């Protein structure tokens, strides 16, 4: 049987690039080229501070994912014949995924928590705990603005202990609840869309 070939569409320009799909603002967290940056990193910062901020930025975004994966391995290991050997290793790995001062110091240069405090203090930078708290809050703001998931999931993804603790920290810094912040972002996005739409339709006749 002869192979049938599709003839090209004469109305289609082969050199023309296909139109990309419309970008959804709430899906920015799915675009790897536009990652959220919980902590701003300046080129003027000392190299050590840039290392700290870069590590915290990466860690706060992957902490929940890594913990979920290790917890799944723990659940699977319960039925393993070598569970006695696996469980201590997996439990230690789960503890190491937690972003805290001790783990951050160990991951940087295998230093102690007190040494990290002194190093940051020498540069006039915030304490490790303050840096981590600011990164968590900024990441939570990003998730609230761009993800359509329940706030309880955002609490877990941003590394907070529970919903009440998250709401308390959020309100203390921003003066509003997470729900109010999300509504404000949504309303501002709608107002911006309407304003741009009116500008685009200005002077154009609406067909009857």
N, C-alpha and C. Protein backbone atom coordinates (compact mmCIF):
# COMPACT_ATOMS: atom_id res chain seq x y z
N UNK A 1 0.86 -1.19 0.00
CA UNK A 1 0.00 0.00 0.00
C UNK A 1 0.89 1.23 0.00
N UNK A 2 0.67 2.17 -0.94
CA UNK A 2 1.51 3.38 -0.97
C UNK A 2 1.27 4.23 0.26
N UNK A 3 2.34 4.89 0.68
CA UNK A 3 2.26 5.76 1.85
C UNK A 3 1.66 7.09 1.45
N UNK A 4 0.61 7.50 2.15
CA UNK A 4 -0.03 8.76 1.85
C UNK A 4 0.69 9.89 2.58
N UNK A 5 0.94 10.96 1.88
CA UNK A 5 1.58 12.13 2.47
C UNK A 5 0.60 13.27 2.50
N UNK A 6 0.71 14.10 3.51
CA UNK A 6 -0.16 15.25 3.64
C UNK A 6 0.42 16.42 2.86
N UNK A 7 -0.36 17.00 1.99
CA UNK A 7 0.12 18.15 1.23
C UNK A 7 0.08 19.39 2.11
N UNK A 8 1.08 20.28 1.99
CA UNK A 8 1.09 21.47 2.83
C UNK A 8 -0.06 22.41 2.51
N UNK A 9 -0.49 23.10 3.52
CA UNK A 9 -1.58 24.06 3.36
C UNK A 9 -1.03 25.28 2.63
N UNK A 10 -1.58 25.63 1.45
CA UNK A 10 -1.06 26.78 0.70
C UNK A 10 -1.26 28.09 1.43
N UNK A 11 -2.23 28.15 2.34
CA UNK A 11 -2.49 29.40 3.07
C UNK A 11 -1.62 29.55 4.31
N UNK A 12 -0.82 28.55 4.60
CA UNK A 12 0.01 28.60 5.81
C UNK A 12 1.45 28.89 5.44
N UNK A 13 2.02 29.87 6.12
CA UNK A 13 3.41 30.25 5.87
C UNK A 13 4.31 29.30 6.66
N UNK A 14 5.15 28.47 5.98
CA UNK A 14 5.99 27.51 6.72
C UNK A 14 7.04 28.17 7.59
N UNK A 15 7.41 29.44 7.28
CA UNK A 15 8.44 30.13 8.04
C UNK A 15 7.86 30.82 9.28
N UNK A 16 6.57 30.91 9.36
CA UNK A 16 5.93 31.61 10.47
C UNK A 16 5.88 30.71 11.70
N UNK A 17 6.33 31.23 12.84
CA UNK A 17 6.33 30.45 14.07
C UNK A 17 4.91 30.34 14.61
N UNK A 18 4.57 29.20 15.18
CA UNK A 18 3.21 29.05 15.74
C UNK A 18 3.00 30.00 16.92
N UNK A 19 1.78 30.47 17.04
CA UNK A 19 1.44 31.38 18.14
C UNK A 19 1.43 30.62 19.45
N UNK A 20 2.19 31.08 20.44
CA UNK A 20 2.20 30.35 21.72
C UNK A 20 0.86 30.48 22.42
N UNK A 21 0.52 29.52 23.27
CA UNK A 21 -0.75 29.60 24.00
C UNK A 21 -0.73 30.78 24.95
N UNK A 22 -1.90 31.32 25.28
CA UNK A 22 -1.95 32.47 26.20
C UNK A 22 -1.39 32.09 27.55
N UNK A 23 -0.64 33.02 28.12
CA UNK A 23 -0.01 32.77 29.41
C UNK A 23 -1.02 33.01 30.52
N UNK A 24 -1.07 32.08 31.46
CA UNK A 24 -1.97 32.21 32.60
C UNK A 24 -1.18 32.73 33.78
N UNK A 25 -1.49 33.92 34.30
CA UNK A 25 -0.70 34.47 35.40
C UNK A 25 -0.65 33.57 36.62
N UNK A 26 -1.74 32.81 36.87
CA UNK A 26 -1.77 31.98 38.08
C UNK A 26 -0.92 30.72 37.92
N UNK A 27 -0.36 30.48 36.72
CA UNK A 27 0.44 29.28 36.49
C UNK A 27 1.93 29.59 36.43
N UNK A 28 2.35 30.76 36.88
CA UNK A 28 3.76 31.12 36.82
C UNK A 28 4.62 30.14 37.62
N UNK A 29 4.05 29.53 38.66
CA UNK A 29 4.83 28.61 39.47
C UNK A 29 5.18 27.34 38.70
N UNK A 30 4.51 27.12 37.54
CA UNK A 30 4.79 25.94 36.74
C UNK A 30 5.85 26.21 35.68
N UNK A 31 6.25 27.47 35.50
CA UNK A 31 7.19 27.84 34.45
C UNK A 31 8.60 27.82 35.05
N UNK A 32 9.45 26.87 34.63
CA UNK A 32 10.76 26.76 35.28
C UNK A 32 11.65 27.95 35.04
N UNK A 33 11.42 28.71 33.95
CA UNK A 33 12.27 29.86 33.66
C UNK A 33 11.94 31.08 34.50
N UNK A 34 10.83 31.03 35.25
CA UNK A 34 10.44 32.17 36.07
C UNK A 34 10.21 31.66 37.49
N UNK A 35 11.26 31.26 38.18
CA UNK A 35 11.06 30.78 39.55
C UNK A 35 10.83 31.93 40.51
N UNK A 36 10.08 31.70 41.56
CA UNK A 36 9.93 32.76 42.56
C UNK A 36 11.24 32.99 43.28
N UNK A 37 11.48 34.21 43.70
CA UNK A 37 12.70 34.56 44.42
C UNK A 37 12.30 35.11 45.79
N UNK A 38 12.16 34.23 46.79
CA UNK A 38 11.75 34.70 48.11
C UNK A 38 12.68 35.76 48.69
N UNK A 39 13.99 35.62 48.44
CA UNK A 39 14.95 36.59 48.95
C UNK A 39 15.63 37.28 47.79
N UNK A 40 15.69 38.61 47.85
CA UNK A 40 16.35 39.35 46.79
C UNK A 40 17.86 39.25 46.95
N UNK A 41 18.54 38.90 45.87
CA UNK A 41 19.99 38.77 45.89
C UNK A 41 20.58 39.90 45.04
N UNK A 42 21.42 40.70 45.64
CA UNK A 42 22.06 41.82 44.96
C UNK A 42 23.48 41.46 44.58
N UNK A 43 23.92 42.01 43.46
CA UNK A 43 25.30 41.78 43.03
C UNK A 43 26.30 42.42 43.98
N UNK A 44 25.82 43.40 44.77
CA UNK A 44 26.70 44.07 45.72
C UNK A 44 26.87 43.29 47.02
N UNK A 45 26.07 42.25 47.23
CA UNK A 45 26.19 41.45 48.44
C UNK A 45 27.51 40.68 48.44
N UNK A 46 28.11 40.50 49.59
CA UNK A 46 29.32 39.67 49.66
C UNK A 46 29.04 38.25 49.18
N UNK A 47 30.06 37.56 48.68
CA UNK A 47 29.84 36.19 48.16
C UNK A 47 29.19 35.26 49.18
N UNK A 48 29.58 35.37 50.45
CA UNK A 48 29.01 34.48 51.45
C UNK A 48 27.51 34.71 51.60
N UNK A 49 27.09 35.98 51.63
CA UNK A 49 25.66 36.27 51.75
C UNK A 49 24.90 35.78 50.53
N UNK A 50 25.49 35.92 49.36
CA UNK A 50 24.82 35.42 48.15
C UNK A 50 24.65 33.91 48.21
N UNK A 51 25.64 33.21 48.76
CA UNK A 51 25.52 31.77 48.93
C UNK A 51 24.38 31.43 49.88
N UNK A 52 24.30 32.16 50.99
CA UNK A 52 23.26 31.90 51.98
C UNK A 52 21.89 32.14 51.36
N UNK A 53 21.69 33.29 50.72
CA UNK A 53 20.39 33.63 50.15
C UNK A 53 20.01 32.66 49.03
N UNK A 54 20.98 32.29 48.20
CA UNK A 54 20.69 31.36 47.10
C UNK A 54 20.25 30.01 47.64
N UNK A 55 20.98 29.52 48.66
CA UNK A 55 20.64 28.23 49.24
C UNK A 55 19.26 28.26 49.89
N UNK A 56 18.96 29.32 50.64
CA UNK A 56 17.66 29.42 51.29
C UNK A 56 16.54 29.53 50.25
N UNK A 57 16.77 30.29 49.18
CA UNK A 57 15.77 30.40 48.11
C UNK A 57 15.45 29.03 47.52
N UNK A 58 16.48 28.25 47.23
CA UNK A 58 16.26 26.93 46.64
C UNK A 58 15.63 25.97 47.64
N UNK A 59 16.08 26.05 48.87
CA UNK A 59 15.64 25.10 49.89
C UNK A 59 14.17 25.29 50.23
N UNK A 60 13.74 26.54 50.38
CA UNK A 60 12.36 26.79 50.80
C UNK A 60 11.36 26.34 49.73
N UNK A 61 11.82 26.27 48.47
CA UNK A 61 10.93 25.85 47.39
C UNK A 61 10.90 24.34 47.19
N UNK A 62 11.89 23.63 47.70
CA UNK A 62 11.96 22.18 47.49
C UNK A 62 11.78 21.39 48.78
N UNK A 63 11.72 22.07 49.92
CA UNK A 63 11.64 21.40 51.21
C UNK A 63 10.43 20.47 51.29
N UNK A 64 9.26 20.97 50.93
CA UNK A 64 8.02 20.19 51.04
C UNK A 64 8.05 19.00 50.08
N UNK A 65 8.56 19.22 48.87
CA UNK A 65 8.61 18.14 47.87
C UNK A 65 9.52 17.01 48.34
N UNK A 66 10.71 17.38 48.83
CA UNK A 66 11.65 16.37 49.31
C UNK A 66 11.08 15.61 50.51
N UNK A 67 10.44 16.33 51.41
CA UNK A 67 9.86 15.68 52.58
C UNK A 67 8.76 14.70 52.18
N UNK A 68 7.95 15.08 51.18
CA UNK A 68 6.90 14.18 50.70
C UNK A 68 7.49 12.91 50.11
N UNK A 69 8.57 13.06 49.35
CA UNK A 69 9.18 11.89 48.72
C UNK A 69 9.77 10.95 49.77
N UNK A 70 10.46 11.53 50.76
CA UNK A 70 11.07 10.69 51.79
C UNK A 70 9.99 10.03 52.65
N UNK A 71 8.91 10.74 52.95
CA UNK A 71 7.82 10.15 53.72
C UNK A 71 7.19 8.99 52.97
N UNK A 72 7.11 9.10 51.65
CA UNK A 72 6.59 7.98 50.86
C UNK A 72 7.53 6.78 50.94
N UNK A 73 8.84 7.05 50.93
CA UNK A 73 9.80 5.96 51.06
C UNK A 73 9.69 5.30 52.45
N UNK A 74 9.43 6.13 53.47
CA UNK A 74 9.26 5.58 54.82
C UNK A 74 8.04 4.66 54.88
N UNK A 75 6.95 5.10 54.27
CA UNK A 75 5.74 4.28 54.25
C UNK A 75 5.97 2.96 53.51
N UNK A 76 6.74 3.03 52.41
CA UNK A 76 7.01 1.81 51.64
C UNK A 76 7.96 0.88 52.38
N UNK A 77 8.86 1.49 53.18
CA UNK A 77 9.86 0.67 53.88
C UNK A 77 9.28 -0.10 55.05
N UNK A 78 8.08 0.25 55.49
CA UNK A 78 7.48 -0.44 56.64
C UNK A 78 7.23 -1.91 56.36
N UNK A 79 7.04 -2.23 55.08
CA UNK A 79 6.81 -3.63 54.71
C UNK A 79 8.05 -4.29 54.13
N UNK A 80 9.17 -3.59 54.22
CA UNK A 80 10.40 -4.14 53.65
C UNK A 80 11.07 -5.10 54.64
N UNK A 81 11.69 -6.17 54.15
CA UNK A 81 12.38 -7.10 55.06
C UNK A 81 13.60 -6.47 55.74
N UNK A 82 14.10 -5.37 55.18
CA UNK A 82 15.26 -4.70 55.81
C UNK A 82 14.83 -3.36 56.42
N UNK A 83 13.59 -3.30 56.91
CA UNK A 83 13.07 -2.04 57.43
C UNK A 83 13.87 -1.54 58.64
N UNK A 84 14.43 -2.47 59.43
CA UNK A 84 15.18 -2.05 60.60
C UNK A 84 16.44 -1.26 60.20
N UNK A 85 17.00 -1.63 59.06
CA UNK A 85 18.17 -0.90 58.58
C UNK A 85 17.78 0.39 57.85
N UNK A 86 16.61 0.37 57.18
CA UNK A 86 16.20 1.52 56.37
C UNK A 86 15.62 2.65 57.20
N UNK A 87 14.83 2.33 58.19
CA UNK A 87 14.08 3.36 58.91
C UNK A 87 14.97 4.43 59.55
N UNK A 88 16.06 4.06 60.23
CA UNK A 88 16.91 5.13 60.80
C UNK A 88 17.49 6.05 59.73
N UNK A 89 17.88 5.47 58.59
CA UNK A 89 18.44 6.28 57.51
C UNK A 89 17.40 7.24 56.93
N UNK A 90 16.19 6.74 56.73
CA UNK A 90 15.13 7.57 56.15
C UNK A 90 14.68 8.65 57.13
N UNK A 91 14.59 8.30 58.42
CA UNK A 91 14.20 9.29 59.42
C UNK A 91 15.23 10.41 59.54
N UNK A 92 16.51 10.05 59.45
CA UNK A 92 17.56 11.08 59.47
C UNK A 92 17.50 11.94 58.22
N UNK A 93 17.21 11.31 57.08
CA UNK A 93 17.09 12.08 55.84
C UNK A 93 15.92 13.04 55.92
N UNK A 94 14.82 12.61 56.54
CA UNK A 94 13.66 13.48 56.69
C UNK A 94 13.99 14.68 57.58
N UNK A 95 14.76 14.46 58.65
CA UNK A 95 15.16 15.56 59.51
C UNK A 95 16.07 16.54 58.77
N UNK A 96 16.92 16.01 57.89
CA UNK A 96 17.86 16.87 57.16
C UNK A 96 17.16 17.75 56.13
N UNK A 97 15.94 17.38 55.70
CA UNK A 97 15.24 18.21 54.73
C UNK A 97 14.67 19.47 55.36
N UNK A 98 14.53 19.50 56.68
CA UNK A 98 13.93 20.64 57.36
C UNK A 98 14.86 21.85 57.29
N UNK A 99 14.34 22.96 56.81
CA UNK A 99 15.12 24.20 56.73
C UNK A 99 15.11 24.88 58.08
N UNK A 100 16.21 24.76 58.80
CA UNK A 100 16.38 25.45 60.07
C UNK A 100 17.83 25.91 60.17
N UNK A 101 18.14 26.61 61.25
CA UNK A 101 19.48 27.19 61.37
C UNK A 101 20.57 26.13 61.39
N UNK A 102 20.35 25.06 62.14
CA UNK A 102 21.38 24.02 62.26
C UNK A 102 21.65 23.34 60.92
N UNK A 103 20.58 22.97 60.20
CA UNK A 103 20.77 22.32 58.91
C UNK A 103 21.36 23.27 57.87
N UNK A 104 20.96 24.54 57.92
CA UNK A 104 21.50 25.53 56.99
C UNK A 104 22.99 25.69 57.20
N UNK A 105 23.43 25.81 58.46
CA UNK A 105 24.85 25.98 58.76
C UNK A 105 25.65 24.76 58.31
N UNK A 106 25.09 23.56 58.55
CA UNK A 106 25.79 22.33 58.16
C UNK A 106 25.88 22.21 56.65
N UNK A 107 24.83 22.63 55.94
CA UNK A 107 24.84 22.52 54.49
C UNK A 107 25.81 23.53 53.86
N UNK A 108 26.01 24.67 54.47
CA UNK A 108 26.88 25.69 53.90
C UNK A 108 28.34 25.24 53.91
N UNK A 109 28.93 25.18 55.07
CA UNK A 109 30.35 24.79 55.19
C UNK A 109 30.56 23.83 56.34
N UNK A 110 29.54 23.05 56.67
CA UNK A 110 29.61 22.14 57.81
C UNK A 110 30.01 22.89 59.08
N UNK A 111 29.48 24.12 59.21
CA UNK A 111 29.78 24.93 60.38
C UNK A 111 28.69 24.76 61.42
N UNK A 112 28.93 25.27 62.60
CA UNK A 112 27.93 25.21 63.66
C UNK A 112 26.95 26.37 63.51
N UNK A 113 25.82 26.25 64.21
CA UNK A 113 24.82 27.31 64.15
C UNK A 113 25.37 28.62 64.71
N UNK A 114 26.15 28.53 65.78
CA UNK A 114 26.72 29.75 66.37
C UNK A 114 27.72 30.40 65.43
N UNK A 115 28.49 29.58 64.70
CA UNK A 115 29.44 30.14 63.73
C UNK A 115 28.72 30.86 62.60
N UNK A 116 27.58 30.32 62.17
CA UNK A 116 26.79 30.98 61.12
C UNK A 116 26.24 32.30 61.63
N UNK A 117 25.77 32.34 62.88
CA UNK A 117 25.30 33.59 63.48
C UNK A 117 26.40 34.64 63.44
N UNK A 118 27.61 34.27 63.85
CA UNK A 118 28.71 35.22 63.89
C UNK A 118 29.09 35.70 62.50
N UNK A 119 29.08 34.78 61.53
CA UNK A 119 29.46 35.13 60.16
C UNK A 119 28.47 36.13 59.57
N UNK A 120 27.18 35.90 59.78
CA UNK A 120 26.17 36.82 59.27
C UNK A 120 26.22 38.15 60.00
N UNK A 121 26.46 38.11 61.31
CA UNK A 121 26.55 39.34 62.09
C UNK A 121 27.71 40.20 61.63
N UNK A 122 28.81 39.57 61.21
CA UNK A 122 29.97 40.33 60.73
C UNK A 122 29.64 41.13 59.48
N UNK A 123 28.69 40.66 58.68
CA UNK A 123 28.28 41.37 57.47
C UNK A 123 27.08 42.30 57.73
N UNK A 124 26.62 42.36 58.96
CA UNK A 124 25.46 43.18 59.27
C UNK A 124 24.17 42.62 58.71
N UNK A 125 24.13 41.31 58.48
CA UNK A 125 22.95 40.66 57.90
C UNK A 125 22.01 40.20 59.02
N UNK A 126 20.77 39.91 58.69
CA UNK A 126 19.84 39.37 59.70
C UNK A 126 20.31 38.01 60.21
N UNK A 127 19.71 37.57 61.29
CA UNK A 127 20.04 36.26 61.84
C UNK A 127 19.55 35.16 60.89
N UNK A 128 20.10 33.96 60.99
CA UNK A 128 19.62 32.87 60.12
C UNK A 128 18.12 32.62 60.27
N UNK A 129 17.62 32.68 61.50
CA UNK A 129 16.19 32.47 61.70
C UNK A 129 15.36 33.53 61.00
N UNK A 130 15.81 34.78 61.04
CA UNK A 130 15.07 35.87 60.38
C UNK A 130 15.10 35.70 58.86
N UNK A 131 16.24 35.26 58.33
CA UNK A 131 16.34 35.04 56.89
C UNK A 131 15.39 33.93 56.45
N UNK A 132 15.34 32.86 57.22
CA UNK A 132 14.45 31.74 56.88
C UNK A 132 12.99 32.16 56.98
N UNK A 133 12.65 32.89 58.03
CA UNK A 133 11.25 33.34 58.19
C UNK A 133 10.83 34.26 57.04
N UNK A 134 11.73 35.14 56.63
CA UNK A 134 11.39 36.04 55.53
C UNK A 134 11.23 35.27 54.22
N UNK A 135 12.08 34.27 54.01
CA UNK A 135 11.97 33.46 52.79
C UNK A 135 10.66 32.68 52.78
N UNK A 136 10.28 32.11 53.92
CA UNK A 136 9.03 31.35 53.98
C UNK A 136 7.83 32.25 53.69
N UNK A 137 7.84 33.43 54.29
CA UNK A 137 6.70 34.34 54.10
C UNK A 137 6.61 34.81 52.66
N UNK A 138 7.75 35.15 52.06
CA UNK A 138 7.74 35.61 50.66
C UNK A 138 7.30 34.49 49.73
N UNK A 139 7.73 33.27 50.01
CA UNK A 139 7.31 32.14 49.18
C UNK A 139 5.82 31.88 49.33
N UNK A 140 5.31 32.01 50.56
CA UNK A 140 3.87 31.84 50.78
C UNK A 140 3.08 32.90 50.03
N UNK A 141 3.56 34.13 50.01
CA UNK A 141 2.89 35.19 49.25
C UNK A 141 2.83 34.84 47.77
N UNK A 142 3.93 34.31 47.24
CA UNK A 142 3.96 33.91 45.83
C UNK A 142 2.93 32.81 45.55
N UNK A 143 2.86 31.82 46.44
CA UNK A 143 1.91 30.74 46.25
C UNK A 143 0.47 31.23 46.35
N UNK A 144 0.21 32.14 47.29
CA UNK A 144 -1.14 32.69 47.42
C UNK A 144 -1.55 33.45 46.17
N UNK A 145 -0.60 34.13 45.54
CA UNK A 145 -0.92 34.95 44.38
C UNK A 145 -1.07 34.13 43.11
N UNK A 146 -0.35 33.01 43.00
CA UNK A 146 -0.28 32.32 41.71
C UNK A 146 -0.79 30.89 41.73
N UNK A 147 -1.16 30.35 42.87
CA UNK A 147 -1.65 28.98 42.92
C UNK A 147 -3.09 28.92 43.37
N UNK A 148 -3.88 28.09 42.71
CA UNK A 148 -5.29 27.92 43.07
C UNK A 148 -5.47 26.69 43.95
N UNK A 149 -4.71 26.61 45.00
CA UNK A 149 -4.82 25.48 45.91
C UNK A 149 -5.26 25.99 47.27
N UNK A 150 -5.78 25.13 48.13
CA UNK A 150 -6.23 25.57 49.45
C UNK A 150 -5.07 26.16 50.25
N UNK A 151 -5.41 27.06 51.15
CA UNK A 151 -4.39 27.69 51.98
C UNK A 151 -3.71 26.66 52.87
N UNK A 152 -4.44 25.62 53.25
CA UNK A 152 -3.82 24.58 54.07
C UNK A 152 -2.65 23.91 53.34
N UNK A 153 -2.75 23.78 52.03
CA UNK A 153 -1.65 23.21 51.26
C UNK A 153 -0.48 24.19 51.17
N UNK A 154 -0.79 25.48 51.04
CA UNK A 154 0.26 26.49 51.01
C UNK A 154 1.00 26.53 52.33
N UNK A 155 0.27 26.34 53.43
CA UNK A 155 0.91 26.28 54.75
C UNK A 155 1.97 25.19 54.76
N UNK A 156 1.63 24.02 54.23
CA UNK A 156 2.58 22.90 54.21
C UNK A 156 3.73 23.17 53.25
N UNK A 157 3.42 23.69 52.07
CA UNK A 157 4.46 23.94 51.07
C UNK A 157 5.48 24.97 51.54
N UNK A 158 5.02 25.99 52.26
CA UNK A 158 5.93 27.04 52.74
C UNK A 158 6.64 26.67 54.03
N UNK A 159 6.31 25.50 54.59
CA UNK A 159 7.04 25.01 55.75
C UNK A 159 6.57 25.50 57.09
N UNK A 160 5.31 25.93 57.19
CA UNK A 160 4.80 26.39 58.49
C UNK A 160 4.23 25.22 59.29
N UNK A 161 4.20 25.41 60.58
CA UNK A 161 3.80 24.33 61.49
C UNK A 161 2.32 23.97 61.32
N UNK A 162 1.46 24.99 61.29
CA UNK A 162 0.03 24.76 61.10
C UNK A 162 -0.60 26.04 60.59
N UNK A 163 -1.91 25.97 60.31
CA UNK A 163 -2.62 27.11 59.73
C UNK A 163 -2.63 28.31 60.67
N UNK A 164 -2.86 28.07 61.95
CA UNK A 164 -2.92 29.19 62.91
C UNK A 164 -1.57 29.90 63.01
N UNK A 165 -0.50 29.15 63.06
CA UNK A 165 0.84 29.75 63.13
C UNK A 165 1.13 30.57 61.89
N UNK A 166 0.76 30.04 60.73
CA UNK A 166 0.97 30.76 59.47
C UNK A 166 0.17 32.06 59.45
N UNK A 167 -1.10 32.00 59.82
CA UNK A 167 -1.95 33.19 59.81
C UNK A 167 -1.42 34.24 60.78
N UNK A 168 -0.96 33.80 61.93
CA UNK A 168 -0.42 34.73 62.92
C UNK A 168 0.82 35.44 62.39
N UNK A 169 1.76 34.69 61.79
CA UNK A 169 2.97 35.29 61.25
C UNK A 169 2.65 36.22 60.08
N UNK A 170 1.75 35.78 59.22
CA UNK A 170 1.38 36.55 58.03
C UNK A 170 0.75 37.88 58.42
N UNK A 171 -0.18 37.82 59.36
CA UNK A 171 -0.88 39.03 59.78
C UNK A 171 0.04 39.98 60.53
N UNK A 172 0.99 39.44 61.30
CA UNK A 172 1.91 40.28 62.06
C UNK A 172 2.80 41.10 61.13
N UNK A 173 3.16 40.55 59.98
CA UNK A 173 4.06 41.23 59.06
C UNK A 173 3.30 42.10 58.06
N UNK A 174 2.21 41.57 57.49
CA UNK A 174 1.51 42.26 56.41
C UNK A 174 0.23 42.97 56.86
N UNK A 175 -0.21 42.73 58.08
CA UNK A 175 -1.39 43.42 58.57
C UNK A 175 -2.69 42.92 58.00
N UNK A 176 -2.70 41.73 57.40
CA UNK A 176 -3.92 41.14 56.85
C UNK A 176 -3.78 39.64 56.87
N UNK A 177 -4.90 38.96 56.76
CA UNK A 177 -4.89 37.50 56.74
C UNK A 177 -4.47 37.00 55.35
N UNK A 178 -4.03 35.76 55.24
CA UNK A 178 -3.71 35.21 53.92
C UNK A 178 -4.90 35.25 52.95
N UNK A 179 -6.09 35.00 53.46
CA UNK A 179 -7.28 35.05 52.58
C UNK A 179 -7.50 36.45 52.04
N UNK A 180 -7.34 37.46 52.89
CA UNK A 180 -7.51 38.85 52.44
C UNK A 180 -6.45 39.22 51.42
N UNK A 181 -5.22 38.75 51.63
CA UNK A 181 -4.15 39.02 50.67
C UNK A 181 -4.47 38.40 49.31
N UNK A 182 -4.95 37.16 49.32
CA UNK A 182 -5.29 36.49 48.06
C UNK A 182 -6.43 37.22 47.35
N UNK A 183 -7.44 37.67 48.09
CA UNK A 183 -8.54 38.41 47.47
C UNK A 183 -8.03 39.72 46.88
N UNK A 184 -7.13 40.39 47.59
CA UNK A 184 -6.59 41.65 47.09
C UNK A 184 -5.82 41.46 45.79
N UNK A 185 -5.03 40.41 45.71
CA UNK A 185 -4.29 40.12 44.48
C UNK A 185 -5.24 39.82 43.34
N UNK A 186 -6.27 39.03 43.62
CA UNK A 186 -7.25 38.68 42.59
C UNK A 186 -7.99 39.92 42.10
N UNK A 187 -8.44 40.77 43.03
CA UNK A 187 -9.17 41.97 42.64
C UNK A 187 -8.29 42.93 41.85
N UNK A 188 -7.02 43.06 42.25
CA UNK A 188 -6.10 43.93 41.53
C UNK A 188 -5.86 43.41 40.12
N UNK A 189 -5.80 42.08 39.97
CA UNK A 189 -5.60 41.50 38.65
C UNK A 189 -6.81 41.75 37.76
N UNK A 190 -8.01 41.65 38.34
CA UNK A 190 -9.22 41.90 37.56
C UNK A 190 -9.30 43.37 37.15
N UNK A 191 -8.97 44.28 38.08
CA UNK A 191 -8.99 45.71 37.75
C UNK A 191 -7.99 46.02 36.65
N UNK A 192 -6.81 45.43 36.72
CA UNK A 192 -5.80 45.67 35.71
C UNK A 192 -6.25 45.14 34.35
N UNK A 193 -6.90 43.97 34.34
CA UNK A 193 -7.40 43.41 33.09
C UNK A 193 -8.47 44.32 32.48
N UNK A 194 -9.40 44.77 33.32
CA UNK A 194 -10.47 45.64 32.82
C UNK A 194 -9.92 46.95 32.28
N UNK A 195 -8.92 47.50 32.98
CA UNK A 195 -8.33 48.76 32.53
C UNK A 195 -7.63 48.59 31.19
N UNK A 196 -6.88 47.51 31.04
CA UNK A 196 -6.20 47.26 29.77
C UNK A 196 -7.18 46.97 28.65
N UNK A 197 -8.28 46.29 28.99
CA UNK A 197 -9.28 45.99 27.97
C UNK A 197 -9.95 47.27 27.48
N UNK A 198 -10.28 48.17 28.42
CA UNK A 198 -10.89 49.43 28.01
C UNK A 198 -9.95 50.25 27.14
N UNK A 199 -8.66 50.23 27.46
CA UNK A 199 -7.68 50.95 26.64
C UNK A 199 -7.60 50.35 25.25
N UNK A 200 -7.65 49.02 25.15
CA UNK A 200 -7.54 48.38 23.84
C UNK A 200 -8.78 48.62 22.99
N UNK A 201 -9.95 48.82 23.65
CA UNK A 201 -11.20 49.04 22.90
C UNK A 201 -11.49 50.50 22.67
N UNK A 202 -10.65 51.39 23.20
CA UNK A 202 -10.90 52.82 23.06
C UNK A 202 -10.78 53.24 21.60
N UNK A 203 -11.82 53.88 21.11
CA UNK A 203 -11.83 54.37 19.73
C UNK A 203 -12.26 53.33 18.70
N UNK A 204 -12.49 52.09 19.14
CA UNK A 204 -12.91 51.04 18.21
C UNK A 204 -14.42 50.92 18.23
N UNK A 205 -15.00 50.75 17.06
CA UNK A 205 -16.44 50.58 16.95
C UNK A 205 -16.82 49.13 17.26
N UNK A 206 -17.84 48.99 18.06
CA UNK A 206 -18.33 47.65 18.38
C UNK A 206 -19.26 47.19 17.27
N UNK A 207 -18.99 46.06 16.60
CA UNK A 207 -19.87 45.61 15.50
C UNK A 207 -21.27 45.30 16.00
N UNK A 208 -22.23 45.63 15.17
CA UNK A 208 -23.63 45.36 15.53
C UNK A 208 -23.99 43.91 15.24
